[in-house]
């Protein structure tokens, strides 16, 4: 049980570090957008990097298929 908790903490720390790195990566790109650069390719770069992080550290959640109203 202790190893599972330690592993979860490690994964969370690595996720936070990756997100922090992503924010640093995006800051100059955001400044370029604010200064009139073409927004779409820069946003695509930022989104791609973010998707890589989420694909590595986050799990897919299955939608609840139970009808909650009946």
PDB file of N, CA and C in Angstrom:
ATOM      1  N   UNK A   1       0.826  -1.197   0.000  1.00  0.00           N
ATOM      2  CA  UNK A   1       0.000   0.000   0.000  1.00  0.00           C
ATOM      3  C   UNK A   1       0.871   1.261   0.000  1.00  0.00           C
ATOM      4  N   UNK A   2       1.938   1.246   0.794  1.00  0.00           N
ATOM      5  CA  UNK A   2       2.818   2.398   0.882  1.00  0.00           C
ATOM      6  C   UNK A   2       3.483   2.679  -0.461  1.00  0.00           C
ATOM      7  N   UNK A   3       3.864   1.619  -1.188  1.00  0.00           N
ATOM      8  CA  UNK A   3       4.493   1.798  -2.498  1.00  0.00           C
ATOM      9  C   UNK A   3       3.518   2.446  -3.480  1.00  0.00           C
ATOM     10  N   UNK A   4       2.233   2.082  -3.413  1.00  0.00           N
ATOM     11  CA  UNK A   4       1.233   2.689  -4.292  1.00  0.00           C
ATOM     12  C   UNK A   4       1.096   4.181  -4.021  1.00  0.00           C
ATOM     13  N   UNK A   5       1.118   4.547  -2.764  1.00  0.00           N
ATOM     14  CA  UNK A   5       1.005   5.961  -2.391  1.00  0.00           C
ATOM     15  C   UNK A   5       2.244   6.712  -2.857  1.00  0.00           C
ATOM     16  N   UNK A   6       3.411   6.140  -2.645  1.00  0.00           N
ATOM     17  CA  UNK A   6       4.657   6.776  -3.081  1.00  0.00           C
ATOM     18  C   UNK A   6       4.687   6.931  -4.601  1.00  0.00           C
ATOM     19  N   UNK A   7       4.201   5.921  -5.315  1.00  0.00           N
ATOM     20  CA  UNK A   7       4.154   5.990  -6.770  1.00  0.00           C
ATOM     21  C   UNK A   7       3.183   7.076  -7.226  1.00  0.00           C
ATOM     22  N   UNK A   8       2.030   7.161  -6.583  1.00  0.00           N
ATOM     23  CA  UNK A   8       1.042   8.182  -6.931  1.00  0.00           C
ATOM     24  C   UNK A   8       1.602   9.580  -6.689  1.00  0.00           C
ATOM     25  N   UNK A   9       2.294   9.755  -5.581  1.00  0.00           N
ATOM     26  CA  UNK A   9       2.904  11.051  -5.266  1.00  0.00           C
ATOM     27  C   UNK A   9       3.956  11.399  -6.319  1.00  0.00           C
ATOM     28  N   UNK A  10       4.749  10.438  -6.701  1.00  0.00           N
ATOM     29  CA  UNK A  10       5.784  10.659  -7.710  1.00  0.00           C
ATOM     30  C   UNK A  10       5.171  11.053  -9.058  1.00  0.00           C
ATOM     31  N   UNK A  11       4.119  10.357  -9.455  1.00  0.00           N
ATOM     32  CA  UNK A  11       3.446  10.673 -10.717  1.00  0.00           C
ATOM     33  C   UNK A  11       2.854  12.079 -10.667  1.00  0.00           C
ATOM     34  N   UNK A  12       2.234  12.424  -9.556  1.00  0.00           N
ATOM     35  CA  UNK A  12       1.651  13.749  -9.404  1.00  0.00           C
ATOM     36  C   UNK A  12       2.727  14.832  -9.486  1.00  0.00           C
ATOM     37  N   UNK A  13       3.848  14.617  -8.805  1.00  0.00           N
ATOM     38  CA  UNK A  13       4.942  15.591  -8.853  1.00  0.00           C
ATOM     39  C   UNK A  13       5.466  15.752 -10.279  1.00  0.00           C
ATOM     40  N   UNK A  14       5.619  14.645 -10.990  1.00  0.00           N
ATOM     41  CA  UNK A  14       6.099  14.717 -12.365  1.00  0.00           C
ATOM     42  C   UNK A  14       5.095  15.419 -13.273  1.00  0.00           C
ATOM     43  N   UNK A  15       3.808  15.187 -13.043  1.00  0.00           N
ATOM     44  CA  UNK A  15       2.768  15.881 -13.798  1.00  0.00           C
ATOM     45  C   UNK A  15       2.855  17.385 -13.551  1.00  0.00           C
ATOM     46  N   UNK A  16       2.988  17.780 -12.304  1.00  0.00           N
ATOM     47  CA  UNK A  16       3.081  19.203 -11.963  1.00  0.00           C
ATOM     48  C   UNK A  16       4.312  19.826 -12.609  1.00  0.00           C
ATOM     49  N   UNK A  17       5.440  19.115 -12.579  1.00  0.00           N
ATOM     50  CA  UNK A  17       6.659  19.624 -13.218  1.00  0.00           C
ATOM     51  C   UNK A  17       6.478  19.759 -14.728  1.00  0.00           C
ATOM     52  N   UNK A  18       5.831  18.791 -15.336  1.00  0.00           N
ATOM     53  CA  UNK A  18       5.596  18.850 -16.785  1.00  0.00           C
ATOM     54  C   UNK A  18       4.668  20.017 -17.134  1.00  0.00           C
ATOM     55  N   UNK A  19       3.650  20.234 -16.319  1.00  0.00           N
ATOM     56  CA  UNK A  19       2.739  21.353 -16.565  1.00  0.00           C
ATOM     57  C   UNK A  19       3.457  22.688 -16.394  1.00  0.00           C
ATOM     58  N   UNK A  20       4.335  22.764 -15.412  1.00  0.00           N
ATOM     59  CA  UNK A  20       5.101  23.983 -15.200  1.00  0.00           C
ATOM     60  C   UNK A  20       6.017  24.253 -16.394  1.00  0.00           C
ATOM     61  N   UNK A  21       6.644  23.212 -16.899  1.00  0.00           N
ATOM     62  CA  UNK A  21       7.498  23.348 -18.076  1.00  0.00           C
ATOM     63  C   UNK A  21       6.665  23.792 -19.280  1.00  0.00           C
ATOM     64  N   UNK A  22       5.470  23.223 -19.432  1.00  0.00           N
ATOM     65  CA  UNK A  22       4.574  23.590 -20.528  1.00  0.00           C
ATOM     66  C   UNK A  22       4.192  25.063 -20.438  1.00  0.00           C
ATOM     67  N   UNK A  23       3.889  25.527 -19.233  1.00  0.00           N
ATOM     68  CA  UNK A  23       3.543  26.939 -19.060  1.00  0.00           C
ATOM     69  C   UNK A  23       4.694  27.841 -19.488  1.00  0.00           C
ATOM     70  N   UNK A  24       5.912  27.450 -19.133  1.00  0.00           N
ATOM     71  CA  UNK A  24       7.084  28.217 -19.550  1.00  0.00           C
ATOM     72  C   UNK A  24       7.272  28.183 -21.063  1.00  0.00           C
ATOM     73  N   UNK A  25       6.963  27.048 -21.673  1.00  0.00           N
ATOM     74  CA  UNK A  25       7.032  26.893 -23.121  1.00  0.00           C
ATOM     75  C   UNK A  25       6.006  27.794 -23.805  1.00  0.00           C
ATOM     76  N   UNK A  26       4.827  27.897 -23.211  1.00  0.00           N
ATOM     77  CA  UNK A  26       3.722  28.647 -23.824  1.00  0.00           C
ATOM     78  C   UNK A  26       3.832  30.151 -23.644  1.00  0.00           C
ATOM     79  N   UNK A  27       4.513  30.591 -22.619  1.00  0.00           N
ATOM     80  CA  UNK A  27       4.558  32.030 -22.344  1.00  0.00           C
ATOM     81  C   UNK A  27       5.072  32.844 -23.536  1.00  0.00           C
ATOM     82  N   UNK A  28       6.216  32.487 -24.134  1.00  0.00           N
ATOM     83  CA  UNK A  28       6.661  33.289 -25.282  1.00  0.00           C
ATOM     84  C   UNK A  28       5.739  33.135 -26.503  1.00  0.00           C
ATOM     85  N   UNK A  29       5.115  31.971 -26.652  1.00  0.00           N
ATOM     86  CA  UNK A  29       4.185  31.791 -27.761  1.00  0.00           C
ATOM     87  C   UNK A  29       2.955  32.677 -27.581  1.00  0.00           C
ATOM     88  N   UNK A  30       2.491  32.790 -26.349  1.00  0.00           N
ATOM     89  CA  UNK A  30       1.356  33.657 -26.050  1.00  0.00           C
ATOM     90  C   UNK A  30       1.715  35.111 -26.327  1.00  0.00           C
ATOM     91  N   UNK A  31       2.938  35.496 -25.992  1.00  0.00           N
ATOM     92  CA  UNK A  31       3.382  36.866 -26.274  1.00  0.00           C
ATOM     93  C   UNK A  31       3.409  37.122 -27.780  1.00  0.00           C
ATOM     94  N   UNK A  32       3.842  36.115 -28.550  1.00  0.00           N
ATOM     95  CA  UNK A  32       3.835  36.268 -30.006  1.00  0.00           C
ATOM     96  C   UNK A  32       2.417  36.492 -30.522  1.00  0.00           C
ATOM     97  N   UNK A  33       1.468  35.724 -29.984  1.00  0.00           N
ATOM     98  CA  UNK A  33       0.066  35.885 -30.388  1.00  0.00           C
ATOM     99  C   UNK A  33      -0.419  37.288 -30.037  1.00  0.00           C
ATOM    100  N   UNK A  34      -0.087  37.738 -28.836  1.00  0.00           N
ATOM    101  CA  UNK A  34      -0.511  39.071 -28.402  1.00  0.00           C
ATOM    102  C   UNK A  34       0.110  40.165 -29.264  1.00  0.00           C
ATOM    103  N   UNK A  35       1.266  39.874 -29.875  1.00  0.00           N
ATOM    104  CA  UNK A  35       1.938  40.855 -30.728  1.00  0.00           C
ATOM    105  C   UNK A  35       1.583  40.700 -32.200  1.00  0.00           C
ATOM    106  N   UNK A  36       0.548  39.910 -32.486  1.00  0.00           N
ATOM    107  CA  UNK A  36       0.019  39.861 -33.833  1.00  0.00           C
ATOM    108  C   UNK A  36       0.422  38.664 -34.675  1.00  0.00           C
ATOM    109  N   UNK A  37       1.181  37.731 -34.132  1.00  0.00           N
ATOM    110  CA  UNK A  37       1.535  36.526 -34.897  1.00  0.00           C
ATOM    111  C   UNK A  37       0.278  35.701 -35.161  1.00  0.00           C
ATOM    112  N   UNK A  38       0.348  34.891 -36.192  1.00  0.00           N
ATOM    113  CA  UNK A  38      -0.779  34.016 -36.537  1.00  0.00           C
ATOM    114  C   UNK A  38      -1.070  33.084 -35.366  1.00  0.00           C
ATOM    115  N   UNK A  39      -2.276  33.156 -34.875  1.00  0.00           N
ATOM    116  CA  UNK A  39      -2.678  32.468 -33.655  1.00  0.00           C
ATOM    117  C   UNK A  39      -2.777  30.951 -33.817  1.00  0.00           C
ATOM    118  N   UNK A  40      -3.344  30.495 -34.909  1.00  0.00           N
ATOM    119  CA  UNK A  40      -3.676  29.078 -35.051  1.00  0.00           C
ATOM    120  C   UNK A  40      -2.473  28.134 -34.940  1.00  0.00           C
ATOM    121  N   UNK A  41      -1.378  28.368 -35.684  1.00  0.00           N
ATOM    122  CA  UNK A  41      -0.265  27.422 -35.560  1.00  0.00           C
ATOM    123  C   UNK A  41       0.378  27.424 -34.170  1.00  0.00           C
ATOM    124  N   UNK A  42       0.396  28.576 -33.540  1.00  0.00           N
ATOM    125  CA  UNK A  42       0.977  28.650 -32.197  1.00  0.00           C
ATOM    126  C   UNK A  42       0.095  27.927 -31.183  1.00  0.00           C
ATOM    127  N   UNK A  43      -1.214  28.111 -31.313  1.00  0.00           N
ATOM    128  CA  UNK A  43      -2.123  27.397 -30.417  1.00  0.00           C
ATOM    129  C   UNK A  43      -2.047  25.895 -30.663  1.00  0.00           C
ATOM    130  N   UNK A  44      -1.878  25.505 -31.910  1.00  0.00           N
ATOM    131  CA  UNK A  44      -1.742  24.081 -32.211  1.00  0.00           C
ATOM    132  C   UNK A  44      -0.498  23.493 -31.553  1.00  0.00           C
ATOM    133  N   UNK A  45       0.601  24.244 -31.542  1.00  0.00           N
ATOM    134  CA  UNK A  45       1.828  23.784 -30.865  1.00  0.00           C
ATOM    135  C   UNK A  45       1.582  23.623 -29.367  1.00  0.00           C
ATOM    136  N   UNK A  46       0.941  24.629 -28.774  1.00  0.00           N
ATOM    137  CA  UNK A  46       0.672  24.574 -27.333  1.00  0.00           C
ATOM    138  C   UNK A  46      -0.249  23.400 -27.005  1.00  0.00           C
ATOM    139  N   UNK A  47      -1.283  23.219 -27.806  1.00  0.00           N
ATOM    140  CA  UNK A  47      -2.245  22.135 -27.573  1.00  0.00           C
ATOM    141  C   UNK A  47      -1.571  20.774 -27.732  1.00  0.00           C
ATOM    142  N   UNK A  48      -0.712  20.647 -28.722  1.00  0.00           N
ATOM    143  CA  UNK A  48      -0.017  19.385 -28.948  1.00  0.00           C
ATOM    144  C   UNK A  48       0.851  19.005 -27.748  1.00  0.00           C
ATOM    145  N   UNK A  49       1.592  19.979 -27.239  1.00  0.00           N
ATOM    146  CA  UNK A  49       2.424  19.732 -26.059  1.00  0.00           C
ATOM    147  C   UNK A  49       1.567  19.357 -24.854  1.00  0.00           C
ATOM    148  N   UNK A  50       0.449  20.048 -24.690  1.00  0.00           N
ATOM    149  CA  UNK A  50      -0.448  19.758 -23.574  1.00  0.00           C
ATOM    150  C   UNK A  50      -1.048  18.362 -23.710  1.00  0.00           C
ATOM    151  N   UNK A  51      -1.444  17.997 -24.921  1.00  0.00           N
ATOM    152  CA  UNK A  51      -1.987  16.654 -25.146  1.00  0.00           C
ATOM    153  C   UNK A  51      -0.965  15.578 -24.808  1.00  0.00           C
ATOM    154  N   UNK A  52       0.297  15.810 -25.139  1.00  0.00           N
ATOM    155  CA  UNK A  52       1.347  14.851 -24.792  1.00  0.00           C
ATOM    156  C   UNK A  52       1.430  14.643 -23.284  1.00  0.00           C
ATOM    157  N   UNK A  53       1.334  15.734 -22.550  1.00  0.00           N
ATOM    158  CA  UNK A  53       1.390  15.642 -21.076  1.00  0.00           C
ATOM    159  C   UNK A  53       0.185  14.863 -20.556  1.00  0.00           C
ATOM    160  N   UNK A  54      -1.002  15.213 -21.018  1.00  0.00           N
ATOM    161  CA  UNK A  54      -2.201  14.529 -20.539  1.00  0.00           C
ATOM    162  C   UNK A  54      -2.202  13.058 -20.940  1.00  0.00           C
ATOM    163  N   UNK A  55      -1.709  12.758 -22.138  1.00  0.00           N
ATOM    164  CA  UNK A  55      -1.633  11.363 -22.557  1.00  0.00           C
ATOM    165  C   UNK A  55      -0.663  10.562 -21.694  1.00  0.00           C
ATOM    166  N   UNK A  56       0.368  11.210 -21.204  1.00  0.00           N
ATOM    167  CA  UNK A  56       1.352  10.514 -20.383  1.00  0.00           C
ATOM    168  C   UNK A  56       0.891  10.342 -18.937  1.00  0.00           C
ATOM    169  N   UNK A  57       0.253  11.365 -18.373  1.00  0.00           N
ATOM    170  CA  UNK A  57      -0.019  11.363 -16.932  1.00  0.00           C
ATOM    171  C   UNK A  57      -1.476  11.157 -16.538  1.00  0.00           C
ATOM    172  N   UNK A  58      -2.404  11.316 -17.453  1.00  0.00           N
ATOM    173  CA  UNK A  58      -3.817  11.251 -17.089  1.00  0.00           C
ATOM    174  C   UNK A  58      -4.479  10.051 -17.739  1.00  0.00           C
ATOM    175  N   UNK A  59      -5.503   9.556 -17.093  1.00  0.00           N
ATOM    176  CA  UNK A  59      -6.231   8.415 -17.625  1.00  0.00           C
ATOM    177  C   UNK A  59      -7.521   8.891 -18.276  1.00  0.00           C
ATOM    178  N   UNK A  60      -8.002   8.109 -19.220  1.00  0.00           N
ATOM    179  CA  UNK A  60      -9.294   8.389 -19.821  1.00  0.00           C
ATOM    180  C   UNK A  60     -10.375   8.019 -18.822  1.00  0.00           C
ATOM    181  N   UNK A  61     -11.394   8.828 -18.763  1.00  0.00           N
ATOM    182  CA  UNK A  61     -12.532   8.516 -17.907  1.00  0.00           C
ATOM    183  C   UNK A  61     -13.671   8.077 -18.797  1.00  0.00           C
ATOM    184  N   UNK A  62     -14.223   6.939 -18.478  1.00  0.00           N
ATOM    185  CA  UNK A  62     -15.365   6.458 -19.246  1.00  0.00           C
ATOM    186  C   UNK A  62     -16.610   7.171 -18.754  1.00  0.00           C
ATOM    187  N   UNK A  63     -17.449   7.541 -19.696  1.00  0.00           N
ATOM    188  CA  UNK A  63     -18.694   8.212 -19.335  1.00  0.00           C
ATOM    189  C   UNK A  63     -19.611   7.222 -18.633  1.00  0.00           C
ATOM    190  N   UNK A  64     -20.354   7.736 -17.690  1.00  0.00           N
ATOM    191  CA  UNK A  64     -21.329   6.936 -16.987  1.00  0.00           C
ATOM    192  C   UNK A  64     -22.494   6.673 -17.931  1.00  0.00           C
ATOM    193  N   UNK A  65     -22.714   5.428 -18.277  1.00  0.00           N
ATOM    194  CA  UNK A  65     -23.757   5.105 -19.247  1.00  0.00           C
ATOM    195  C   UNK A  65     -25.095   4.825 -18.582  1.00  0.00           C
ATOM    196  N   UNK A  66     -25.138   4.886 -17.270  1.00  0.00           N
ATOM    197  CA  UNK A  66     -26.388   4.647 -16.562  1.00  0.00           C
ATOM    198  C   UNK A  66     -27.287   5.856 -16.727  1.00  0.00           C
ATOM    199  N   UNK A  67     -28.534   5.627 -17.074  1.00  0.00           N
ATOM    200  CA  UNK A  67     -29.496   6.702 -17.214  1.00  0.00           C
ATOM    201  C   UNK A  67     -29.874   7.184 -15.811  1.00  0.00           C
ATOM    202  N   UNK A  68     -29.453   8.383 -15.466  1.00  0.00           N
ATOM    203  CA  UNK A  68     -29.673   8.900 -14.124  1.00  0.00           C
ATOM    204  C   UNK A  68     -31.101   9.373 -13.875  1.00  0.00           C
ATOM    205  N   UNK A  69     -31.872   9.514 -14.937  1.00  0.00           N
ATOM    206  CA  UNK A  69     -33.210  10.082 -14.776  1.00  0.00           C
ATOM    207  C   UNK A  69     -34.294   9.014 -14.670  1.00  0.00           C
ATOM    208  N   UNK A  70     -33.957   7.744 -14.835  1.00  0.00           N
ATOM    209  CA  UNK A  70     -34.979   6.687 -14.753  1.00  0.00           C
ATOM    210  C   UNK A  70     -34.615   5.671 -13.722  1.00  0.00           C
TER     211      UNK A  70
END
